[in-house]
Each structure stands twice: as C-alpha cells, then as structure tokens.
Amino acid sequence: MNKYELALVVNAKLEDEARAEVVEKAKGYITRYNGNITEVEEWGKKRLAYEIQKMREGYYYFIQFEADATAPAEIERHVRIMDNVLRYLVVKKEA
C-alpha cells in the first residue's frame, strides 16, 4: 500500500451541505478502490491564483489515504467529471 494525497478545490459558491457532499463523494471513490482514508484536512476558503470558471475563490480540501498503485488513476478518472470540483490532484507521498 502506497500513501497518497488528494487535493480538491471545490466551488466556493456552494452551501456547506453541498460542499460536504462533494467531499464525501470523493472519499467514497477512494474507499471503492480499496483505499484507506487516514486524514481529511479542510483549509477553508482561499483566493485562487487565477480565475477558474469565472470564480476567484475556492474551498481547499486535502485527503490523505493509503491505496494500491492502480487506485489513483481510477480516483482521478471519477473526480475529473464531478460537478463543483474546480481542480484536483493526486500525489504520491514519500514513505
């Protein structure tokens, strides 16, 4: 099992409940591919470096998880088409 981090930038115009649903859906994809979530960090609303889809702010979430080497590609495949996710990135963490 490798350690990974999923960074999500979620639409800042969403209500708290809708944002929580987006994060839960992403966590669901991780567990679907036999991932084990170790930590979820919410950084809150931050100003974006540049405008994305006519928005200047987004909510940042960082989800640490352990999974097999094939899981990140599958997780990215699902997160890519999620509504209200402005940007995402899965990176492998050093052991």
PDB file of N, CA and C in Angstrom:
ATOM      1  N   MET A   1       0.839  -1.186   0.000  1.00  0.00           N
ATOM      2  CA  MET A   1       0.000   0.000   0.000  1.00  0.00           C
ATOM      3  C   MET A   1       0.884   1.250   0.000  1.00  0.00           C
ATOM      4  N   ASN A   2       0.595   2.152  -0.925  1.00  0.00           N
ATOM      5  CA  ASN A   2       1.314   3.416  -1.010  1.00  0.00           C
ATOM      6  C   ASN A   2       0.489   4.515  -0.354  1.00  0.00           C
ATOM      7  N   LYS A   3       1.176   5.585   0.050  1.00  0.00           N
ATOM      8  CA  LYS A   3       0.488   6.730   0.653  1.00  0.00           C
ATOM      9  C   LYS A   3       0.299   7.805  -0.403  1.00  0.00           C
ATOM     10  N   TYR A   4      -0.915   8.362  -0.443  1.00  0.00           N
ATOM     11  CA  TYR A   4      -1.264   9.383  -1.421  1.00  0.00           C
ATOM     12  C   TYR A   4      -1.989  10.536  -0.739  1.00  0.00           C
ATOM     13  N   GLU A   5      -2.069  11.648  -1.479  1.00  0.00           N
ATOM     14  CA  GLU A   5      -2.845  12.793  -1.023  1.00  0.00           C
ATOM     15  C   GLU A   5      -3.673  13.290  -2.197  1.00  0.00           C
ATOM     16  N   LEU A   6      -4.967  13.458  -1.961  1.00  0.00           N
ATOM     17  CA  LEU A   6      -5.869  14.020  -2.954  1.00  0.00           C
ATOM     18  C   LEU A   6      -6.168  15.455  -2.556  1.00  0.00           C
ATOM     19  N   ALA A   7      -5.816  16.392  -3.414  1.00  0.00           N
ATOM     20  CA  ALA A   7      -6.120  17.806  -3.179  1.00  0.00           C
ATOM     21  C   ALA A   7      -7.331  18.165  -4.035  1.00  0.00           C
ATOM     22  N   LEU A   8      -8.322  18.773  -3.400  1.00  0.00           N
ATOM     23  CA  LEU A   8      -9.534  19.193  -4.099  1.00  0.00           C
ATOM     24  C   LEU A   8      -9.750  20.686  -3.902  1.00  0.00           C
ATOM     25  N   VAL A   9     -10.120  21.370  -4.967  1.00  0.00           N
ATOM     26  CA  VAL A   9     -10.578  22.757  -4.872  1.00  0.00           C
ATOM     27  C   VAL A   9     -12.029  22.733  -5.309  1.00  0.00           C
ATOM     28  N   VAL A  10     -12.912  23.063  -4.353  1.00  0.00           N
ATOM     29  CA  VAL A  10     -14.358  22.960  -4.564  1.00  0.00           C
ATOM     30  C   VAL A  10     -14.938  24.359  -4.745  1.00  0.00           C
ATOM     31  N   ASN A  11     -15.971  24.452  -5.556  1.00  0.00           N
ATOM     32  CA  ASN A  11     -16.684  25.696  -5.830  1.00  0.00           C
ATOM     33  C   ASN A  11     -17.061  26.408  -4.525  1.00  0.00           C
ATOM     34  N   ALA A  12     -16.663  27.656  -4.387  1.00  0.00           N
ATOM     35  CA  ALA A  12     -16.904  28.421  -3.158  1.00  0.00           C
ATOM     36  C   ALA A  12     -18.347  28.916  -3.052  1.00  0.00           C
ATOM     37  N   LYS A  13     -19.100  28.869  -4.131  1.00  0.00           N
ATOM     38  CA  LYS A  13     -20.474  29.363  -4.115  1.00  0.00           C
ATOM     39  C   LYS A  13     -21.461  28.334  -3.577  1.00  0.00           C
ATOM     40  N   LEU A  14     -20.993  27.130  -3.274  1.00  0.00           N
ATOM     41  CA  LEU A  14     -21.870  26.078  -2.754  1.00  0.00           C
ATOM     42  C   LEU A  14     -22.174  26.292  -1.284  1.00  0.00           C
ATOM     43  N   GLU A  15     -23.326  25.786  -0.866  1.00  0.00           N
ATOM     44  CA  GLU A  15     -23.670  25.783   0.553  1.00  0.00           C
ATOM     45  C   GLU A  15     -22.803  24.744   1.262  1.00  0.00           C
ATOM     46  N   ASP A  16     -22.704  24.858   2.589  1.00  0.00           N
ATOM     47  CA  ASP A  16     -21.883  23.930   3.371  1.00  0.00           C
ATOM     48  C   ASP A  16     -22.274  22.476   3.131  1.00  0.00           C
ATOM     49  N   GLU A  17     -23.572  22.219   3.090  1.00  0.00           N
ATOM     50  CA  GLU A  17     -24.064  20.858   2.915  1.00  0.00           C
ATOM     51  C   GLU A  17     -23.653  20.282   1.562  1.00  0.00           C
ATOM     52  N   ALA A  18     -23.757  21.068   0.516  1.00  0.00           N
ATOM     53  CA  ALA A  18     -23.399  20.616  -0.834  1.00  0.00           C
ATOM     54  C   ALA A  18     -21.897  20.377  -0.939  1.00  0.00           C
ATOM     55  N   ARG A  19     -21.103  21.232  -0.283  1.00  0.00           N
ATOM     56  CA  ARG A  19     -19.643  21.030  -0.279  1.00  0.00           C
ATOM     57  C   ARG A  19     -19.287  19.734   0.429  1.00  0.00           C
ATOM     58  N   ALA A  20     -19.957  19.470   1.550  1.00  0.00           N
ATOM     59  CA  ALA A  20     -19.715  18.232   2.297  1.00  0.00           C
ATOM     60  C   ALA A  20     -20.055  17.012   1.437  1.00  0.00           C
ATOM     61  N   GLU A  21     -21.112  17.112   0.629  1.00  0.00           N
ATOM     62  CA  GLU A  21     -21.480  16.012  -0.264  1.00  0.00           C
ATOM     63  C   GLU A  21     -20.403  15.751  -1.298  1.00  0.00           C
ATOM     64  N   VAL A  22     -19.807  16.811  -1.835  1.00  0.00           N
ATOM     65  CA  VAL A  22     -18.739  16.655  -2.827  1.00  0.00           C
ATOM     66  C   VAL A  22     -17.547  15.922  -2.201  1.00  0.00           C
ATOM     67  N   VAL A  23     -17.170  16.314  -0.988  1.00  0.00           N
ATOM     68  CA  VAL A  23     -16.040  15.688  -0.307  1.00  0.00           C
ATOM     69  C   VAL A  23     -16.365  14.228   0.024  1.00  0.00           C
ATOM     70  N   GLU A  24     -17.576  13.965   0.481  1.00  0.00           N
ATOM     71  CA  GLU A  24     -17.983  12.589   0.798  1.00  0.00           C
ATOM     72  C   GLU A  24     -17.971  11.707  -0.450  1.00  0.00           C
ATOM     73  N   LYS A  25     -18.374  12.274  -1.576  1.00  0.00           N
ATOM     74  CA  LYS A  25     -18.364  11.524  -2.832  1.00  0.00           C
ATOM     75  C   LYS A  25     -16.936  11.160  -3.218  1.00  0.00           C
ATOM     76  N   ALA A  26     -16.008  12.108  -3.061  1.00  0.00           N
ATOM     77  CA  ALA A  26     -14.599  11.843  -3.355  1.00  0.00           C
ATOM     78  C   ALA A  26     -14.053  10.770  -2.414  1.00  0.00           C
ATOM     79  N   LYS A  27     -14.416  10.861  -1.133  1.00  0.00           N
ATOM     80  CA  LYS A  27     -13.986   9.844  -0.166  1.00  0.00           C
ATOM     81  C   LYS A  27     -14.567   8.480  -0.525  1.00  0.00           C
ATOM     82  N   GLY A  28     -15.778   8.472  -1.055  1.00  0.00           N
ATOM     83  CA  GLY A  28     -16.409   7.228  -1.495  1.00  0.00           C
ATOM     84  C   GLY A  28     -15.640   6.577  -2.624  1.00  0.00           C
ATOM     85  N   TYR A  29     -15.133   7.377  -3.550  1.00  0.00           N
ATOM     86  CA  TYR A  29     -14.320   6.825  -4.643  1.00  0.00           C
ATOM     87  C   TYR A  29     -13.040   6.198  -4.109  1.00  0.00           C
ATOM     88  N   ILE A  30     -12.450   6.820  -3.093  1.00  0.00           N
ATOM     89  CA  ILE A  30     -11.223   6.271  -2.505  1.00  0.00           C
ATOM     90  C   ILE A  30     -11.505   4.912  -1.878  1.00  0.00           C
ATOM     91  N   THR A  31     -12.567   4.826  -1.103  1.00  0.00           N
ATOM     92  CA  THR A  31     -12.874   3.548  -0.445  1.00  0.00           C
ATOM     93  C   THR A  31     -13.339   2.498  -1.451  1.00  0.00           C
ATOM     94  N   ARG A  32     -13.971   2.920  -2.546  1.00  0.00           N
ATOM     95  CA  ARG A  32     -14.410   1.976  -3.575  1.00  0.00           C
ATOM     96  C   ARG A  32     -13.222   1.215  -4.169  1.00  0.00           C
ATOM     97  N   TYR A  33     -12.093   1.874  -4.296  1.00  0.00           N
ATOM     98  CA  TYR A  33     -10.902   1.237  -4.864  1.00  0.00           C
ATOM     99  C   TYR A  33      -9.948   0.769  -3.768  1.00  0.00           C
ATOM    100  N   ASN A  34     -10.531   0.304  -2.664  1.00  0.00           N
ATOM    101  CA  ASN A  34      -9.798  -0.307  -1.541  1.00  0.00           C
ATOM    102  C   ASN A  34      -8.792   0.638  -0.895  1.00  0.00           C
ATOM    103  N   GLY A  35      -9.094   1.914  -0.911  1.00  0.00           N
ATOM    104  CA  GLY A  35      -8.247   2.895  -0.234  1.00  0.00           C
ATOM    105  C   GLY A  35      -8.653   3.025   1.223  1.00  0.00           C
ATOM    106  N   ASN A  36      -7.692   3.400   2.047  1.00  0.00           N
ATOM    107  CA  ASN A  36      -7.929   3.597   3.471  1.00  0.00           C
ATOM    108  C   ASN A  36      -7.642   5.062   3.787  1.00  0.00           C
ATOM    109  N   ILE A  37      -8.665   5.841   4.109  1.00  0.00           N
ATOM    110  CA  ILE A  37      -8.503   7.274   4.386  1.00  0.00           C
ATOM    111  C   ILE A  37      -7.901   7.444   5.769  1.00  0.00           C
ATOM    112  N   THR A  38      -6.788   8.184   5.838  1.00  0.00           N
ATOM    113  CA  THR A  38      -6.116   8.386   7.121  1.00  0.00           C
ATOM    114  C   THR A  38      -6.396   9.760   7.718  1.00  0.00           C
ATOM    115  N   GLU A  39      -6.607  10.778   6.861  1.00  0.00           N
ATOM    116  CA  GLU A  39      -6.821  12.133   7.377  1.00  0.00           C
ATOM    117  C   GLU A  39      -7.500  12.994   6.316  1.00  0.00           C
ATOM    118  N   VAL A  40      -8.363  13.901   6.778  1.00  0.00           N
ATOM    119  CA  VAL A  40      -9.009  14.878   5.891  1.00  0.00           C
ATOM    120  C   VAL A  40      -8.773  16.256   6.484  1.00  0.00           C
ATOM    121  N   GLU A  41      -8.120  17.123   5.721  1.00  0.00           N
ATOM    122  CA  GLU A  41      -7.863  18.492   6.168  1.00  0.00           C
ATOM    123  C   GLU A  41      -8.732  19.449   5.351  1.00  0.00           C
ATOM    124  N   GLU A  42      -9.406  20.358   6.038  1.00  0.00           N
ATOM    125  CA  GLU A  42     -10.161  21.402   5.360  1.00  0.00           C
ATOM    126  C   GLU A  42      -9.438  22.717   5.600  1.00  0.00           C
ATOM    127  N   TRP A  43      -8.938  23.318   4.537  1.00  0.00           N
ATOM    128  CA  TRP A  43      -8.215  24.579   4.666  1.00  0.00           C
ATOM    129  C   TRP A  43      -9.146  25.776   4.572  1.00  0.00           C
ATOM    130  N   GLY A  44     -10.365  25.553   4.138  1.00  0.00           N
ATOM    131  CA  GLY A  44     -11.321  26.642   4.059  1.00  0.00           C
ATOM    132  C   GLY A  44     -11.255  27.399   2.738  1.00  0.00           C
ATOM    133  N   LYS A  45     -11.897  28.562   2.727  1.00  0.00           N
ATOM    134  CA  LYS A  45     -11.975  29.363   1.506  1.00  0.00           C
ATOM    135  C   LYS A  45     -10.688  30.148   1.310  1.00  0.00           C
ATOM    136  N   LYS A  46     -10.115  29.995   0.136  1.00  0.00           N
ATOM    137  CA  LYS A  46      -8.878  30.703  -0.225  1.00  0.00           C
ATOM    138  C   LYS A  46      -9.056  31.342  -1.596  1.00  0.00           C
ATOM    139  N   ARG A  47      -8.305  32.397  -1.800  1.00  0.00           N
ATOM    140  CA  ARG A  47      -8.295  33.061  -3.100  1.00  0.00           C
ATOM    141  C   ARG A  47      -7.461  32.227  -4.069  1.00  0.00           C
ATOM    142  N   LEU A  48      -7.986  32.034  -5.277  1.00  0.00           N
ATOM    143  CA  LEU A  48      -7.277  31.264  -6.297  1.00  0.00           C
ATOM    144  C   LEU A  48      -6.182  32.130  -6.934  1.00  0.00           C
ATOM    145  N   ALA A  49      -5.150  31.498  -7.414  1.00  0.00           N
ATOM    146  CA  ALA A  49      -4.056  32.219  -8.056  1.00  0.00           C
ATOM    147  C   ALA A  49      -4.522  32.864  -9.361  1.00  0.00           C
ATOM    148  N   TYR A  50      -5.492  32.223 -10.019  1.00  0.00           N
ATOM    149  CA  TYR A  50      -6.056  32.777 -11.244  1.00  0.00           C
ATOM    150  C   TYR A  50      -7.517  32.342 -11.324  1.00  0.00           C
ATOM    151  N   GLU A  51      -8.269  33.022 -12.130  1.00  0.00           N
ATOM    152  CA  GLU A  51      -9.690  32.760 -12.248  1.00  0.00           C
ATOM    153  C   GLU A  51      -9.943  31.408 -12.921  1.00  0.00           C
ATOM    154  N   ILE A  52     -10.828  30.597 -12.322  1.00  0.00           N
ATOM    155  CA  ILE A  52     -11.214  29.304 -12.884  1.00  0.00           C
ATOM    156  C   ILE A  52     -12.731  29.318 -13.011  1.00  0.00           C
ATOM    157  N   GLN A  53     -13.237  29.110 -14.212  1.00  0.00           N
ATOM    158  CA  GLN A  53     -14.680  29.123 -14.475  1.00  0.00           C
ATOM    159  C   GLN A  53     -15.342  30.383 -13.899  1.00  0.00           C
ATOM    160  N   LYS A  54     -14.699  31.516 -14.088  1.00  0.00           N
ATOM    161  CA  LYS A  54     -15.173  32.838 -13.637  1.00  0.00           C
ATOM    162  C   LYS A  54     -15.287  32.939 -12.114  1.00  0.00           C
ATOM    163  N   MET A  55     -14.518  32.140 -11.397  1.00  0.00           N
ATOM    164  CA  MET A  55     -14.512  32.201  -9.933  1.00  0.00           C
ATOM    165  C   MET A  55     -13.123  32.569  -9.442  1.00  0.00           C
ATOM    166  N   ARG A  56     -13.094  33.354  -8.377  1.00  0.00           N
ATOM    167  CA  ARG A  56     -11.821  33.800  -7.824  1.00  0.00           C
ATOM    168  C   ARG A  56     -11.478  33.115  -6.504  1.00  0.00           C
ATOM    169  N   GLU A  57     -12.431  32.375  -5.915  1.00  0.00           N
ATOM    170  CA  GLU A  57     -12.203  31.703  -4.638  1.00  0.00           C
ATOM    171  C   GLU A  57     -12.668  30.257  -4.712  1.00  0.00           C
ATOM    172  N   GLY A  58     -12.071  29.427  -3.851  1.00  0.00           N
ATOM    173  CA  GLY A  58     -12.472  28.032  -3.775  1.00  0.00           C
ATOM    174  C   GLY A  58     -12.178  27.482  -2.389  1.00  0.00           C
ATOM    175  N   TYR A  59     -12.857  26.405  -2.030  1.00  0.00           N
ATOM    176  CA  TYR A  59     -12.593  25.721  -0.763  1.00  0.00           C
ATOM    177  C   TYR A  59     -11.583  24.614  -1.017  1.00  0.00           C
ATOM    178  N   TYR A  60     -10.565  24.572  -0.184  1.00  0.00           N
ATOM    179  CA  TYR A  60      -9.486  23.601  -0.338  1.00  0.00           C
ATOM    180  C   TYR A  60      -9.642  22.451   0.646  1.00  0.00           C
ATOM    181  N   TYR A  61      -9.503  21.228   0.140  1.00  0.00           N
ATOM    182  CA  TYR A  61      -9.542  20.018   0.957  1.00  0.00           C
ATOM    183  C   TYR A  61      -8.356  19.143   0.582  1.00  0.00           C
ATOM    184  N   PHE A  62      -7.750  18.515   1.582  1.00  0.00           N
ATOM    185  CA  PHE A  62      -6.643  17.589   1.363  1.00  0.00           C
ATOM    186  C   PHE A  62      -6.980  16.286   2.064  1.00  0.00           C
ATOM    187  N   ILE A  63      -7.059  15.205   1.289  1.00  0.00           N
ATOM    188  CA  ILE A  63      -7.430  13.898   1.824  1.00  0.00           C
ATOM    189  C   ILE A  63      -6.233  12.968   1.694  1.00  0.00           C
ATOM    190  N   GLN A  64      -5.681  12.535   2.837  1.00  0.00           N
ATOM    191  CA  GLN A  64      -4.583  11.578   2.827  1.00  0.00           C
ATOM    192  C   GLN A  64      -5.182  10.175   2.868  1.00  0.00           C
ATOM    193  N   PHE A  65      -4.608   9.277   2.050  1.00  0.00           N
ATOM    194  CA  PHE A  65      -5.108   7.907   2.039  1.00  0.00           C
ATOM    195  C   PHE A  65      -4.010   6.942   1.622  1.00  0.00           C
ATOM    196  N   GLU A  66      -4.241   5.664   1.924  1.00  0.00           N
ATOM    197  CA  GLU A  66      -3.344   4.585   1.509  1.00  0.00           C
ATOM    198  C   GLU A  66      -4.119   3.724   0.526  1.00  0.00           C
ATOM    199  N   ALA A  67      -3.444   3.327  -0.565  1.00  0.00           N
ATOM    200  CA  ALA A  67      -4.117   2.513  -1.575  1.00  0.00           C
ATOM    201  C   ALA A  67      -3.074   1.811  -2.443  1.00  0.00           C
ATOM    202  N   ASP A  68      -3.559   0.893  -3.268  1.00  0.00           N
ATOM    203  CA  ASP A  68      -2.693   0.222  -4.231  1.00  0.00           C
ATOM    204  C   ASP A  68      -2.301   1.204  -5.330  1.00  0.00           C
ATOM    205  N   ALA A  69      -1.309   0.835  -6.116  1.00  0.00           N
ATOM    206  CA  ALA A  69      -0.781   1.721  -7.155  1.00  0.00           C
ATOM    207  C   ALA A  69      -1.792   2.027  -8.254  1.00  0.00           C
ATOM    208  N   THR A  70      -2.783   1.175  -8.451  1.00  0.00           N
ATOM    209  CA  THR A  70      -3.758   1.404  -9.524  1.00  0.00           C
ATOM    210  C   THR A  70      -4.880   2.356  -9.110  1.00  0.00           C
ATOM    211  N   ALA A  71      -5.066   2.562  -7.815  1.00  0.00           N
ATOM    212  CA  ALA A  71      -6.189   3.366  -7.313  1.00  0.00           C
ATOM    213  C   ALA A  71      -6.157   4.837  -7.733  1.00  0.00           C
ATOM    214  N   PRO A  72      -5.021   5.541  -7.671  1.00  0.00           N
ATOM    215  CA  PRO A  72      -5.045   6.981  -8.009  1.00  0.00           C
ATOM    216  C   PRO A  72      -5.593   7.287  -9.398  1.00  0.00           C
ATOM    217  N   ALA A  73      -5.252   6.497 -10.388  1.00  0.00           N
ATOM    218  CA  ALA A  73      -5.746   6.739 -11.747  1.00  0.00           C
ATOM    219  C   ALA A  73      -7.259   6.593 -11.802  1.00  0.00           C
ATOM    220  N   GLU A  74      -7.801   5.585 -11.114  1.00  0.00           N
ATOM    221  CA  GLU A  74      -9.247   5.371 -11.097  1.00  0.00           C
ATOM    222  C   GLU A  74      -9.955   6.494 -10.344  1.00  0.00           C
ATOM    223  N   ILE A  75      -9.373   6.929  -9.233  1.00  0.00           N
ATOM    224  CA  ILE A  75      -9.969   8.011  -8.443  1.00  0.00           C
ATOM    225  C   ILE A  75      -9.991   9.303  -9.268  1.00  0.00           C
ATOM    226  N   GLU A  76      -8.876   9.610  -9.920  1.00  0.00           N
ATOM    227  CA  GLU A  76      -8.820  10.815 -10.764  1.00  0.00           C
ATOM    228  C   GLU A  76      -9.833  10.743 -11.899  1.00  0.00           C
ATOM    229  N   ARG A  77     -10.031   9.555 -12.449  1.00  0.00           N
ATOM    230  CA  ARG A  77     -10.980   9.384 -13.551  1.00  0.00           C
ATOM    231  C   ARG A  77     -12.389   9.794 -13.114  1.00  0.00           C
ATOM    232  N   HIS A  78     -12.761   9.475 -11.874  1.00  0.00           N
ATOM    233  CA  HIS A  78     -14.087   9.834 -11.367  1.00  0.00           C
ATOM    234  C   HIS A  78     -14.150  11.299 -10.925  1.00  0.00           C
ATOM    235  N   VAL A  79     -13.123  11.774 -10.241  1.00  0.00           N
ATOM    236  CA  VAL A  79     -13.132  13.150  -9.736  1.00  0.00           C
ATOM    237  C   VAL A  79     -13.116  14.149 -10.890  1.00  0.00           C
ATOM    238  N   ARG A  80     -12.478  13.789 -11.995  1.00  0.00           N
ATOM    239  CA  ARG A  80     -12.376  14.666 -13.166  1.00  0.00           C
ATOM    240  C   ARG A  80     -13.746  15.120 -13.657  1.00  0.00           C
ATOM    241  N   ILE A  81     -14.752  14.246 -13.565  1.00  0.00           N
ATOM    242  CA  ILE A  81     -16.066  14.581 -14.112  1.00  0.00           C
ATOM    243  C   ILE A  81     -17.069  15.032 -13.051  1.00  0.00           C
ATOM    244  N   MET A  82     -16.620  15.186 -11.814  1.00  0.00           N
ATOM    245  CA  MET A  82     -17.520  15.634 -10.744  1.00  0.00           C
ATOM    246  C   MET A  82     -17.863  17.110 -10.921  1.00  0.00           C
ATOM    247  N   ASP A  83     -19.144  17.416 -10.719  1.00  0.00           N
ATOM    248  CA  ASP A  83     -19.565  18.817 -10.731  1.00  0.00           C
ATOM    249  C   ASP A  83     -19.002  19.507  -9.498  1.00  0.00           C
ATOM    250  N   ASN A  84     -18.761  20.782  -9.600  1.00  0.00           N
ATOM    251  CA  ASN A  84     -18.331  21.637  -8.491  1.00  0.00           C
ATOM    252  C   ASN A  84     -16.902  21.388  -8.016  1.00  0.00           C
ATOM    253  N   VAL A  85     -16.133  20.539  -8.681  1.00  0.00           N
ATOM    254  CA  VAL A  85     -14.707  20.404  -8.378  1.00  0.00           C
ATOM    255  C   VAL A  85     -13.973  21.230  -9.428  1.00  0.00           C
ATOM    256  N   LEU A  86     -13.330  22.304  -8.963  1.00  0.00           N
ATOM    257  CA  LEU A  86     -12.628  23.192  -9.892  1.00  0.00           C
ATOM    258  C   LEU A  86     -11.287  22.605 -10.312  1.00  0.00           C
ATOM    259  N   ARG A  87     -10.540  22.067  -9.342  1.00  0.00           N
ATOM    260  CA  ARG A  87      -9.240  21.451  -9.600  1.00  0.00           C
ATOM    261  C   ARG A  87      -9.048  20.285  -8.646  1.00  0.00           C
ATOM    262  N   TYR A  88      -8.224  19.326  -9.072  1.00  0.00           N
ATOM    263  CA  TYR A  88      -7.912  18.166  -8.241  1.00  0.00           C
ATOM    264  C   TYR A  88      -6.497  17.704  -8.578  1.00  0.00           C
ATOM    265  N   LEU A  89      -5.898  16.976  -7.662  1.00  0.00           N
ATOM    266  CA  LEU A  89      -4.569  16.419  -7.912  1.00  0.00           C
ATOM    267  C   LEU A  89      -4.317  15.301  -6.905  1.00  0.00           C
ATOM    268  N   VAL A  90      -3.866  14.152  -7.410  1.00  0.00           N
ATOM    269  CA  VAL A  90      -3.460  13.059  -6.535  1.00  0.00           C
ATOM    270  C   VAL A  90      -1.952  12.951  -6.636  1.00  0.00           C
ATOM    271  N   VAL A  91      -1.261  13.021  -5.495  1.00  0.00           N
ATOM    272  CA  VAL A  91       0.193  12.893  -5.475  1.00  0.00           C
ATOM    273  C   VAL A  91       0.588  11.770  -4.531  1.00  0.00           C
ATOM    274  N   LYS A  92       1.663  11.089  -4.880  1.00  0.00           N
ATOM    275  CA  LYS A  92       2.197  10.042  -4.005  1.00  0.00           C
ATOM    276  C   LYS A  92       3.094  10.701  -2.967  1.00  0.00           C
ATOM    277  N   LYS A  93       2.898  10.311  -1.721  1.00  0.00           N
ATOM    278  CA  LYS A  93       3.708  10.872  -0.637  1.00  0.00           C
ATOM    279  C   LYS A  93       4.919  10.000  -0.383  1.00  0.00           C
ATOM    280  N   GLU A  94       5.999  10.622   0.027  1.00  0.00           N
ATOM    281  CA  GLU A  94       7.209   9.882   0.364  1.00  0.00           C
ATOM    282  C   GLU A  94       6.982   9.057   1.620  1.00  0.00           C
ATOM    283  N   ALA A  95       7.580   7.907   1.665  1.00  0.00           N
ATOM    284  CA  ALA A  95       7.396   6.997   2.830  1.00  0.00           C
ATOM    285  C   ALA A  95       8.148   7.472   4.041  1.00  0.00           C
TER     286      ALA A  95
END
